[in-house]
Amino acid sequence: MSRIGKQPIAVPHGVSVSISGQVFTARSSKGQLHVPFSEKMKVTIDGSEVTVVPVLDERGIGALWGLTRALVNNAVVGVHKGWEKVLEVRGIGYRAQVKEKKLDLQVGHSHPILVEPPAGISFEAGQENIDGENIYVIRIKGIDKQLVGDMTARIRAFKPPEPYKGKGIRHRGEYVRRKAGKATG
């Protein structure tokens, strides 16, 4: 049995949901998302609640049950509130700006890196005062949680944080394990 799969999903006001075949659809003014699900699962809509129930009782069905419920819930929350991830750009001379919807990164390469957002993703960049120092912050927003996470990982991969000075692009709240530099004798 899946503890997550058992929980019903509340559909907020302003979000409409539908099922056609093996595809769950959530719509709102922000957009729409389609979530295909396995034939081993049954997704039902009861008024303002969505429930996910397994059709078969077989080994490993609990994991698929919880996954299906989580994906459907992510779609409902995404079209209602949206998803956002925050990256911090740390390092002297490193910066991030948004120019004509594209993200312009200058993170120690010989050239600036321009990142074009895919459909459904938007960028915001600016400076914030964190622990007494001004740090560039990138906000990645969208309705599809998977797409937001994928875009965040792709941006972080341009300059992951290094362990000696901690320079690079990191997730907000990410702990970077620091190493000691050269020992002087």
N, C-alpha and C. Protein backbone atom coordinates (compact mmCIF):
# COMPACT_ATOMS: atom_id res chain seq x y z
N MET A 1 0.83 -1.18 0.00
CA MET A 1 0.00 0.00 0.00
C MET A 1 0.88 1.25 0.00
N SER A 2 0.43 2.23 -0.70
CA SER A 2 1.17 3.48 -0.78
C SER A 2 0.50 4.54 0.09
N ARG A 3 1.27 5.10 1.04
CA ARG A 3 0.71 6.14 1.91
C ARG A 3 0.41 7.41 1.11
N ILE A 4 1.27 7.73 0.14
CA ILE A 4 1.05 8.92 -0.67
C ILE A 4 -0.08 8.68 -1.65
N GLY A 5 -0.13 7.51 -2.26
CA GLY A 5 -1.16 7.21 -3.26
C GLY A 5 -2.57 7.24 -2.71
N LYS A 6 -2.74 6.93 -1.42
CA LYS A 6 -4.07 6.90 -0.81
C LYS A 6 -4.68 8.28 -0.66
N GLN A 7 -3.85 9.32 -0.56
CA GLN A 7 -4.35 10.66 -0.28
C GLN A 7 -5.07 11.24 -1.49
N PRO A 8 -6.28 11.78 -1.28
CA PRO A 8 -6.97 12.42 -2.40
C PRO A 8 -6.32 13.78 -2.72
N ILE A 9 -6.51 14.23 -3.95
CA ILE A 9 -5.95 15.51 -4.41
C ILE A 9 -7.11 16.50 -4.48
N ALA A 10 -7.00 17.60 -3.74
CA ALA A 10 -8.04 18.63 -3.77
C ALA A 10 -7.80 19.52 -4.99
N VAL A 11 -8.84 19.73 -5.75
CA VAL A 11 -8.76 20.59 -6.94
C VAL A 11 -9.17 22.01 -6.52
N PRO A 12 -8.24 22.99 -6.57
CA PRO A 12 -8.59 24.34 -6.15
C PRO A 12 -9.55 25.04 -7.11
N HIS A 13 -10.17 26.10 -6.62
CA HIS A 13 -11.09 26.90 -7.43
C HIS A 13 -10.32 27.53 -8.59
N GLY A 14 -10.86 27.47 -9.79
CA GLY A 14 -10.19 28.04 -10.96
C GLY A 14 -9.42 27.03 -11.77
N VAL A 15 -9.35 25.79 -11.28
CA VAL A 15 -8.64 24.72 -12.01
C VAL A 15 -9.68 23.71 -12.46
N SER A 16 -9.65 23.36 -13.74
CA SER A 16 -10.55 22.32 -14.24
C SER A 16 -9.73 21.09 -14.62
N VAL A 17 -10.24 19.93 -14.29
CA VAL A 17 -9.54 18.68 -14.56
C VAL A 17 -10.42 17.77 -15.40
N SER A 18 -9.78 16.94 -16.22
CA SER A 18 -10.52 15.98 -17.04
C SER A 18 -9.64 14.77 -17.32
N ILE A 19 -10.28 13.69 -17.71
CA ILE A 19 -9.57 12.45 -18.05
C ILE A 19 -10.09 11.97 -19.38
N SER A 20 -9.17 11.70 -20.30
CA SER A 20 -9.57 11.08 -21.58
C SER A 20 -8.62 9.93 -21.85
N GLY A 21 -9.15 8.72 -21.77
CA GLY A 21 -8.31 7.54 -21.95
C GLY A 21 -7.36 7.39 -20.78
N GLN A 22 -6.07 7.35 -21.07
CA GLN A 22 -5.04 7.21 -20.04
C GLN A 22 -4.27 8.51 -19.86
N VAL A 23 -4.94 9.66 -20.06
CA VAL A 23 -4.29 10.97 -19.93
C VAL A 23 -5.13 11.86 -19.02
N PHE A 24 -4.49 12.35 -17.95
CA PHE A 24 -5.12 13.31 -17.04
C PHE A 24 -4.74 14.71 -17.50
N THR A 25 -5.70 15.64 -17.53
CA THR A 25 -5.45 17.01 -17.97
C THR A 25 -5.91 17.99 -16.90
N ALA A 26 -5.04 18.95 -16.58
CA ALA A 26 -5.38 20.03 -15.64
C ALA A 26 -5.24 21.35 -16.39
N ARG A 27 -6.26 22.23 -16.24
CA ARG A 27 -6.29 23.51 -16.95
C ARG A 27 -6.59 24.65 -15.99
N SER A 28 -5.99 25.80 -16.27
CA SER A 28 -6.35 27.04 -15.57
C SER A 28 -5.96 28.19 -16.48
N SER A 29 -6.04 29.40 -15.94
CA SER A 29 -5.67 30.57 -16.74
C SER A 29 -4.17 30.60 -17.03
N LYS A 30 -3.35 29.89 -16.23
CA LYS A 30 -1.90 29.86 -16.45
C LYS A 30 -1.50 28.94 -17.59
N GLY A 31 -2.34 27.96 -17.92
CA GLY A 31 -2.03 27.01 -18.99
C GLY A 31 -2.65 25.66 -18.70
N GLN A 32 -2.19 24.66 -19.44
CA GLN A 32 -2.70 23.31 -19.22
C GLN A 32 -1.55 22.31 -19.26
N LEU A 33 -1.72 21.23 -18.51
CA LEU A 33 -0.73 20.15 -18.46
C LEU A 33 -1.43 18.82 -18.67
N HIS A 34 -0.77 17.93 -19.40
CA HIS A 34 -1.27 16.58 -19.65
C HIS A 34 -0.35 15.59 -18.95
N VAL A 35 -0.93 14.66 -18.21
CA VAL A 35 -0.16 13.64 -17.49
C VAL A 35 -0.64 12.27 -17.94
N PRO A 36 0.16 11.56 -18.75
CA PRO A 36 -0.23 10.18 -19.08
C PRO A 36 0.03 9.27 -17.88
N PHE A 37 -0.83 8.27 -17.68
CA PHE A 37 -0.65 7.34 -16.58
C PHE A 37 -0.84 5.91 -17.06
N SER A 38 -0.36 4.98 -16.27
CA SER A 38 -0.36 3.56 -16.63
C SER A 38 -1.77 2.97 -16.63
N GLU A 39 -1.95 1.92 -17.42
CA GLU A 39 -3.24 1.23 -17.45
C GLU A 39 -3.46 0.44 -16.16
N LYS A 40 -2.43 0.33 -15.33
CA LYS A 40 -2.56 -0.35 -14.04
C LYS A 40 -3.17 0.56 -12.98
N MET A 41 -3.37 1.84 -13.33
CA MET A 41 -3.94 2.82 -12.41
C MET A 41 -5.29 3.32 -12.91
N LYS A 42 -6.15 3.67 -11.98
CA LYS A 42 -7.45 4.26 -12.33
C LYS A 42 -7.52 5.61 -11.63
N VAL A 43 -7.67 6.68 -12.41
CA VAL A 43 -7.79 8.03 -11.87
C VAL A 43 -9.24 8.45 -12.01
N THR A 44 -9.85 8.87 -10.89
CA THR A 44 -11.26 9.27 -10.91
C THR A 44 -11.41 10.68 -10.36
N ILE A 45 -12.41 11.39 -10.87
CA ILE A 45 -12.71 12.75 -10.44
C ILE A 45 -14.06 12.72 -9.74
N ASP A 46 -14.10 13.13 -8.47
CA ASP A 46 -15.34 13.19 -7.68
C ASP A 46 -15.53 14.63 -7.22
N GLY A 47 -16.22 15.42 -8.01
CA GLY A 47 -16.46 16.82 -7.65
C GLY A 47 -15.16 17.61 -7.68
N SER A 48 -14.68 18.00 -6.50
CA SER A 48 -13.43 18.77 -6.44
C SER A 48 -12.30 17.93 -5.84
N GLU A 49 -12.37 16.62 -6.02
CA GLU A 49 -11.31 15.72 -5.55
C GLU A 49 -10.92 14.74 -6.65
N VAL A 50 -9.65 14.47 -6.73
CA VAL A 50 -9.13 13.47 -7.67
C VAL A 50 -8.51 12.36 -6.84
N THR A 51 -8.85 11.12 -7.16
CA THR A 51 -8.27 9.98 -6.46
C THR A 51 -7.60 9.05 -7.46
N VAL A 52 -6.55 8.41 -6.99
CA VAL A 52 -5.81 7.44 -7.81
C VAL A 52 -5.89 6.10 -7.09
N VAL A 53 -6.30 5.06 -7.81
CA VAL A 53 -6.47 3.72 -7.24
C VAL A 53 -5.83 2.71 -8.19
N PRO A 54 -5.08 1.73 -7.66
CA PRO A 54 -4.54 0.70 -8.55
C PRO A 54 -5.63 -0.27 -9.01
N VAL A 55 -5.52 -0.71 -10.25
CA VAL A 55 -6.48 -1.66 -10.80
C VAL A 55 -6.09 -3.08 -10.41
N LEU A 56 -4.79 -3.37 -10.45
CA LEU A 56 -4.27 -4.71 -10.13
C LEU A 56 -3.63 -4.71 -8.76
N ASP A 57 -3.54 -5.89 -8.16
CA ASP A 57 -2.82 -6.04 -6.90
C ASP A 57 -1.62 -6.94 -7.18
N GLU A 58 -0.52 -6.32 -7.50
CA GLU A 58 0.68 -7.08 -7.82
C GLU A 58 1.89 -6.46 -7.13
N ARG A 59 2.99 -7.14 -7.22
CA ARG A 59 4.21 -6.70 -6.55
C ARG A 59 4.70 -5.38 -7.18
N GLY A 60 5.07 -4.43 -6.32
CA GLY A 60 5.61 -3.16 -6.78
C GLY A 60 4.57 -2.15 -7.22
N ILE A 61 3.29 -2.45 -7.03
CA ILE A 61 2.26 -1.53 -7.50
C ILE A 61 2.19 -0.28 -6.62
N GLY A 62 2.63 -0.39 -5.37
CA GLY A 62 2.60 0.75 -4.46
C GLY A 62 3.47 1.90 -4.95
N ALA A 63 4.62 1.57 -5.52
CA ALA A 63 5.52 2.62 -6.03
C ALA A 63 4.89 3.34 -7.22
N LEU A 64 4.27 2.59 -8.12
CA LEU A 64 3.60 3.19 -9.27
C LEU A 64 2.39 4.02 -8.86
N TRP A 65 1.71 3.55 -7.81
CA TRP A 65 0.56 4.26 -7.27
C TRP A 65 0.98 5.63 -6.73
N GLY A 66 2.02 5.64 -5.90
CA GLY A 66 2.52 6.89 -5.34
C GLY A 66 3.06 7.83 -6.41
N LEU A 67 3.74 7.28 -7.40
CA LEU A 67 4.28 8.09 -8.50
C LEU A 67 3.16 8.75 -9.29
N THR A 68 2.14 7.98 -9.63
CA THR A 68 1.02 8.51 -10.42
C THR A 68 0.31 9.62 -9.66
N ARG A 69 0.07 9.40 -8.37
CA ARG A 69 -0.59 10.42 -7.56
C ARG A 69 0.27 11.68 -7.47
N ALA A 70 1.59 11.53 -7.32
CA ALA A 70 2.48 12.69 -7.22
C ALA A 70 2.50 13.48 -8.53
N LEU A 71 2.53 12.78 -9.67
CA LEU A 71 2.54 13.47 -10.97
C LEU A 71 1.24 14.23 -11.22
N VAL A 72 0.11 13.62 -10.85
CA VAL A 72 -1.18 14.29 -11.01
C VAL A 72 -1.25 15.51 -10.08
N ASN A 73 -0.79 15.35 -8.84
CA ASN A 73 -0.79 16.47 -7.90
C ASN A 73 0.12 17.61 -8.38
N ASN A 74 1.30 17.27 -8.92
CA ASN A 74 2.21 18.29 -9.44
C ASN A 74 1.58 19.08 -10.58
N ALA A 75 0.78 18.41 -11.41
CA ALA A 75 0.10 19.11 -12.51
C ALA A 75 -0.96 20.06 -11.96
N VAL A 76 -1.73 19.62 -10.97
CA VAL A 76 -2.78 20.46 -10.39
C VAL A 76 -2.16 21.68 -9.70
N VAL A 77 -1.14 21.46 -8.89
CA VAL A 77 -0.47 22.58 -8.20
C VAL A 77 0.21 23.50 -9.20
N GLY A 78 0.79 22.94 -10.25
CA GLY A 78 1.48 23.75 -11.26
C GLY A 78 0.58 24.71 -11.99
N VAL A 79 -0.60 24.25 -12.39
CA VAL A 79 -1.50 25.15 -13.12
C VAL A 79 -2.20 26.12 -12.17
N HIS A 80 -2.22 25.81 -10.87
CA HIS A 80 -2.85 26.71 -9.90
C HIS A 80 -1.86 27.78 -9.41
N LYS A 81 -0.72 27.35 -8.83
CA LYS A 81 0.25 28.28 -8.25
C LYS A 81 1.49 28.46 -9.12
N GLY A 82 1.91 27.42 -9.81
CA GLY A 82 3.15 27.44 -10.55
C GLY A 82 4.29 26.93 -9.68
N TRP A 83 5.42 26.66 -10.31
CA TRP A 83 6.60 26.16 -9.62
C TRP A 83 7.73 27.16 -9.80
N GLU A 84 8.61 27.22 -8.81
CA GLU A 84 9.75 28.14 -8.87
C GLU A 84 10.95 27.51 -8.19
N LYS A 85 12.11 27.64 -8.81
CA LYS A 85 13.36 27.23 -8.20
C LYS A 85 14.31 28.42 -8.23
N VAL A 86 15.19 28.50 -7.23
CA VAL A 86 16.07 29.65 -7.09
C VAL A 86 17.52 29.17 -7.11
N LEU A 87 18.34 29.83 -7.93
CA LEU A 87 19.77 29.56 -7.99
C LEU A 87 20.53 30.80 -7.53
N GLU A 88 21.67 30.59 -6.89
CA GLU A 88 22.54 31.69 -6.47
C GLU A 88 23.82 31.61 -7.28
N VAL A 89 24.28 32.77 -7.76
CA VAL A 89 25.53 32.86 -8.52
C VAL A 89 26.55 33.53 -7.60
N ARG A 90 27.55 32.76 -7.16
CA ARG A 90 28.55 33.30 -6.23
C ARG A 90 29.92 33.30 -6.88
N GLY A 91 30.64 34.39 -6.71
CA GLY A 91 31.99 34.52 -7.23
C GLY A 91 32.25 35.95 -7.69
N ILE A 92 33.47 36.40 -7.53
CA ILE A 92 33.83 37.76 -7.94
C ILE A 92 33.79 37.84 -9.46
N GLY A 93 33.04 38.80 -9.98
CA GLY A 93 32.91 38.98 -11.42
C GLY A 93 31.83 38.12 -12.05
N TYR A 94 31.22 37.23 -11.28
CA TYR A 94 30.15 36.40 -11.81
C TYR A 94 28.85 37.19 -11.73
N ARG A 95 28.03 37.07 -12.77
CA ARG A 95 26.73 37.76 -12.72
C ARG A 95 25.74 37.08 -13.64
N ALA A 96 24.47 37.42 -13.39
CA ALA A 96 23.37 36.87 -14.19
C ALA A 96 22.39 38.00 -14.46
N GLN A 97 21.94 38.11 -15.71
CA GLN A 97 20.98 39.12 -16.11
C GLN A 97 19.99 38.50 -17.09
N VAL A 98 18.82 39.11 -17.19
CA VAL A 98 17.85 38.69 -18.19
C VAL A 98 17.82 39.77 -19.26
N LYS A 99 18.10 39.37 -20.50
CA LYS A 99 18.07 40.28 -21.64
C LYS A 99 17.13 39.71 -22.68
N GLU A 100 16.03 40.41 -22.94
CA GLU A 100 15.04 39.97 -23.93
C GLU A 100 14.60 38.53 -23.69
N LYS A 101 14.23 38.22 -22.46
CA LYS A 101 13.76 36.90 -22.01
C LYS A 101 14.85 35.85 -21.95
N LYS A 102 16.06 36.14 -22.45
CA LYS A 102 17.16 35.18 -22.38
C LYS A 102 17.99 35.46 -21.13
N LEU A 103 18.54 34.40 -20.56
CA LEU A 103 19.39 34.52 -19.39
C LEU A 103 20.83 34.68 -19.85
N ASP A 104 21.48 35.78 -19.42
CA ASP A 104 22.86 36.07 -19.78
C ASP A 104 23.73 35.78 -18.56
N LEU A 105 24.55 34.73 -18.64
CA LEU A 105 25.43 34.33 -17.54
C LEU A 105 26.87 34.69 -17.85
N GLN A 106 27.53 35.31 -16.90
CA GLN A 106 28.97 35.53 -17.00
C GLN A 106 29.58 34.91 -15.76
N VAL A 107 30.12 33.69 -15.95
CA VAL A 107 30.58 32.90 -14.82
C VAL A 107 32.00 32.37 -15.02
N GLY A 108 32.90 33.23 -15.51
CA GLY A 108 34.29 32.85 -15.61
C GLY A 108 34.71 32.21 -16.91
N HIS A 109 33.81 32.07 -17.87
CA HIS A 109 34.18 31.57 -19.19
C HIS A 109 34.70 32.73 -20.03
N SER A 110 35.29 32.43 -21.16
CA SER A 110 35.82 33.49 -22.02
C SER A 110 34.72 34.24 -22.76
N HIS A 111 33.50 33.76 -22.65
CA HIS A 111 32.39 34.38 -23.36
C HIS A 111 31.14 34.31 -22.47
N PRO A 112 30.20 35.23 -22.68
CA PRO A 112 28.95 35.11 -21.93
C PRO A 112 28.11 33.94 -22.45
N ILE A 113 27.35 33.33 -21.57
CA ILE A 113 26.50 32.20 -21.93
C ILE A 113 25.07 32.72 -21.99
N LEU A 114 24.43 32.55 -23.14
CA LEU A 114 23.04 32.94 -23.31
C LEU A 114 22.17 31.69 -23.27
N VAL A 115 21.17 31.69 -22.37
CA VAL A 115 20.28 30.55 -22.22
C VAL A 115 18.89 30.99 -22.64
N GLU A 116 18.37 30.34 -23.65
CA GLU A 116 17.02 30.66 -24.13
C GLU A 116 16.02 29.77 -23.40
N PRO A 117 14.96 30.36 -22.83
CA PRO A 117 14.01 29.53 -22.09
C PRO A 117 13.11 28.73 -23.03
N PRO A 118 12.82 27.48 -22.70
CA PRO A 118 11.85 26.73 -23.50
C PRO A 118 10.44 27.27 -23.25
N ALA A 119 9.50 26.84 -24.04
CA ALA A 119 8.12 27.30 -23.88
C ALA A 119 7.61 26.93 -22.49
N GLY A 120 7.01 27.89 -21.82
CA GLY A 120 6.46 27.64 -20.49
C GLY A 120 7.40 27.97 -19.35
N ILE A 121 8.60 28.44 -19.64
CA ILE A 121 9.58 28.78 -18.60
C ILE A 121 9.92 30.26 -18.71
N SER A 122 10.05 30.92 -17.56
CA SER A 122 10.49 32.32 -17.55
C SER A 122 11.61 32.48 -16.53
N PHE A 123 12.48 33.44 -16.78
CA PHE A 123 13.62 33.72 -15.91
C PHE A 123 13.44 35.09 -15.27
N GLU A 124 13.93 35.23 -14.05
CA GLU A 124 14.09 36.51 -13.39
C GLU A 124 15.47 36.50 -12.76
N ALA A 125 16.17 37.60 -12.84
CA ALA A 125 17.50 37.68 -12.24
C ALA A 125 17.66 39.03 -11.57
N GLY A 126 18.41 39.04 -10.49
CA GLY A 126 18.66 40.27 -9.77
C GLY A 126 19.62 40.00 -8.63
N GLN A 127 19.90 41.05 -7.86
CA GLN A 127 20.80 40.90 -6.72
C GLN A 127 20.01 40.88 -5.43
N GLU A 128 20.47 40.08 -4.48
CA GLU A 128 19.90 40.03 -3.15
C GLU A 128 21.04 40.08 -2.15
N ASN A 129 20.75 40.64 -0.99
CA ASN A 129 21.73 40.69 0.07
C ASN A 129 21.58 39.45 0.93
N ILE A 130 22.56 38.54 0.84
CA ILE A 130 22.53 37.29 1.60
C ILE A 130 23.78 37.25 2.46
N ASP A 131 23.58 37.18 3.77
CA ASP A 131 24.68 37.15 4.74
C ASP A 131 25.64 38.32 4.56
N GLY A 132 25.12 39.49 4.27
CA GLY A 132 25.94 40.68 4.17
C GLY A 132 26.65 40.88 2.85
N GLU A 133 26.44 40.03 1.88
CA GLU A 133 27.07 40.24 0.57
C GLU A 133 26.01 40.20 -0.53
N ASN A 134 26.22 41.01 -1.56
CA ASN A 134 25.28 41.04 -2.68
C ASN A 134 25.56 39.87 -3.60
N ILE A 135 24.54 39.05 -3.81
CA ILE A 135 24.68 37.85 -4.62
C ILE A 135 23.63 37.88 -5.71
N TYR A 136 24.03 37.50 -6.92
CA TYR A 136 23.06 37.41 -8.02
C TYR A 136 22.20 36.17 -7.81
N VAL A 137 20.90 36.36 -8.03
CA VAL A 137 19.93 35.29 -7.83
C VAL A 137 19.14 35.10 -9.12
N ILE A 138 18.96 33.84 -9.52
CA ILE A 138 18.18 33.50 -10.72
C ILE A 138 16.94 32.75 -10.26
N ARG A 139 15.77 33.19 -10.72
CA ARG A 139 14.52 32.51 -10.42
C ARG A 139 13.99 31.89 -11.72
N ILE A 140 13.76 30.59 -11.68
CA ILE A 140 13.22 29.87 -12.83
C ILE A 140 11.77 29.52 -12.49
N LYS A 141 10.82 30.00 -13.31
CA LYS A 141 9.40 29.81 -13.02
C LYS A 141 8.70 29.12 -14.18
N GLY A 142 7.68 28.32 -13.85
CA GLY A 142 6.87 27.66 -14.87
C GLY A 142 5.79 26.83 -14.22
N ILE A 143 4.92 26.25 -15.03
CA ILE A 143 3.84 25.42 -14.48
C ILE A 143 4.20 23.94 -14.44
N ASP A 144 5.19 23.52 -15.22
CA ASP A 144 5.60 22.11 -15.28
C ASP A 144 6.79 21.90 -14.36
N LYS A 145 6.59 21.17 -13.25
CA LYS A 145 7.64 20.97 -12.26
C LYS A 145 8.87 20.29 -12.85
N GLN A 146 8.66 19.32 -13.71
CA GLN A 146 9.78 18.59 -14.32
C GLN A 146 10.61 19.51 -15.21
N LEU A 147 9.95 20.35 -15.98
CA LEU A 147 10.65 21.27 -16.88
C LEU A 147 11.43 22.33 -16.09
N VAL A 148 10.85 22.81 -14.99
CA VAL A 148 11.54 23.79 -14.14
C VAL A 148 12.80 23.17 -13.53
N GLY A 149 12.68 21.95 -13.02
CA GLY A 149 13.83 21.27 -12.44
C GLY A 149 14.91 20.96 -13.45
N ASP A 150 14.50 20.56 -14.65
CA ASP A 150 15.46 20.26 -15.71
C ASP A 150 16.22 21.51 -16.13
N MET A 151 15.51 22.63 -16.27
CA MET A 151 16.15 23.89 -16.66
C MET A 151 17.11 24.36 -15.57
N THR A 152 16.73 24.18 -14.31
CA THR A 152 17.59 24.55 -13.19
C THR A 152 18.88 23.73 -13.22
N ALA A 153 18.78 22.45 -13.46
CA ALA A 153 19.97 21.59 -13.50
C ALA A 153 20.87 21.95 -14.68
N ARG A 154 20.27 22.30 -15.82
CA ARG A 154 21.08 22.68 -16.99
C ARG A 154 21.84 23.97 -16.73
N ILE A 155 21.21 24.94 -16.07
CA ILE A 155 21.89 26.20 -15.77
C ILE A 155 23.00 25.97 -14.74
N ARG A 156 22.73 25.18 -13.72
CA ARG A 156 23.74 24.90 -12.70
C ARG A 156 24.95 24.19 -13.29
N ALA A 157 24.74 23.38 -14.32
CA ALA A 157 25.82 22.61 -14.93
C ALA A 157 26.85 23.50 -15.66
N PHE A 158 26.49 24.74 -15.99
CA PHE A 158 27.45 25.62 -16.64
C PHE A 158 28.63 25.94 -15.72
N LYS A 159 28.40 26.04 -14.42
CA LYS A 159 29.48 26.34 -13.47
C LYS A 159 29.06 25.83 -12.08
N PRO A 160 29.19 24.51 -11.83
CA PRO A 160 28.84 23.99 -10.50
C PRO A 160 29.78 24.57 -9.44
N PRO A 161 29.35 24.64 -8.18
CA PRO A 161 30.21 25.22 -7.15
C PRO A 161 31.46 24.39 -6.92
N GLU A 162 32.58 25.08 -6.78
CA GLU A 162 33.83 24.37 -6.55
C GLU A 162 34.14 24.37 -5.05
N PRO A 163 34.90 23.38 -4.55
CA PRO A 163 35.03 23.20 -3.10
C PRO A 163 36.04 24.11 -2.40
N TYR A 164 36.86 24.86 -3.11
CA TYR A 164 37.89 25.65 -2.44
C TYR A 164 37.41 27.03 -2.05
N LYS A 165 36.79 27.76 -2.96
CA LYS A 165 36.27 29.09 -2.63
C LYS A 165 34.74 29.12 -2.63
N GLY A 166 34.11 28.09 -3.15
CA GLY A 166 32.66 28.03 -3.20
C GLY A 166 32.06 28.80 -4.36
N LYS A 167 32.91 29.18 -5.33
CA LYS A 167 32.41 29.94 -6.48
C LYS A 167 31.61 29.02 -7.40
N GLY A 168 30.60 29.60 -8.05
CA GLY A 168 29.81 28.84 -9.01
C GLY A 168 28.33 29.10 -8.82
N ILE A 169 27.53 28.28 -9.49
CA ILE A 169 26.07 28.40 -9.43
C ILE A 169 25.56 27.27 -8.54
N ARG A 170 24.77 27.63 -7.53
CA ARG A 170 24.25 26.62 -6.60
C ARG A 170 22.77 26.85 -6.34
N HIS A 171 22.11 25.80 -5.89
CA HIS A 171 20.71 25.92 -5.49
C HIS A 171 20.65 26.73 -4.20
N ARG A 172 19.54 27.42 -3.99
CA ARG A 172 19.37 28.13 -2.73
C ARG A 172 19.32 27.11 -1.60
N GLY A 173 20.14 27.33 -0.59
CA GLY A 173 20.18 26.43 0.55
C GLY A 173 21.10 25.24 0.38
N GLU A 174 21.74 25.10 -0.77
CA GLU A 174 22.65 23.97 -1.01
C GLU A 174 23.92 24.15 -0.18
N TYR A 175 24.34 23.09 0.48
CA TYR A 175 25.56 23.11 1.26
C TYR A 175 26.71 22.68 0.37
N VAL A 176 27.74 23.52 0.29
CA VAL A 176 28.92 23.19 -0.50
C VAL A 176 30.04 22.86 0.48
N ARG A 177 30.49 21.63 0.43
CA ARG A 177 31.55 21.19 1.34
C ARG A 177 32.86 21.84 0.93
N ARG A 178 33.47 22.56 1.86
CA ARG A 178 34.68 23.30 1.57
C ARG A 178 35.91 22.49 1.94
N LYS A 179 36.97 22.63 1.13
CA LYS A 179 38.24 21.95 1.40
C LYS A 179 39.28 23.01 1.78
N ALA A 180 40.29 22.58 2.50
CA ALA A 180 41.39 23.49 2.82
C ALA A 180 42.26 23.64 1.58
N GLY A 181 42.86 24.81 1.42
CA GLY A 181 43.74 25.05 0.28
C GLY A 181 45.10 24.43 0.53
N LYS A 182 46.10 24.92 -0.18
CA LYS A 182 47.46 24.41 -0.02
C LYS A 182 47.97 24.71 1.39
N ALA A 183 48.64 23.74 1.95
CA ALA A 183 49.25 23.93 3.27
C ALA A 183 50.60 24.62 3.06
N THR A 184 50.84 25.68 3.81
CA THR A 184 52.13 26.36 3.68
C THR A 184 53.07 25.80 4.75
N GLY A 185 54.31 25.61 4.37
CA GLY A 185 55.23 24.94 5.27
C GLY A 185 56.25 25.82 5.72
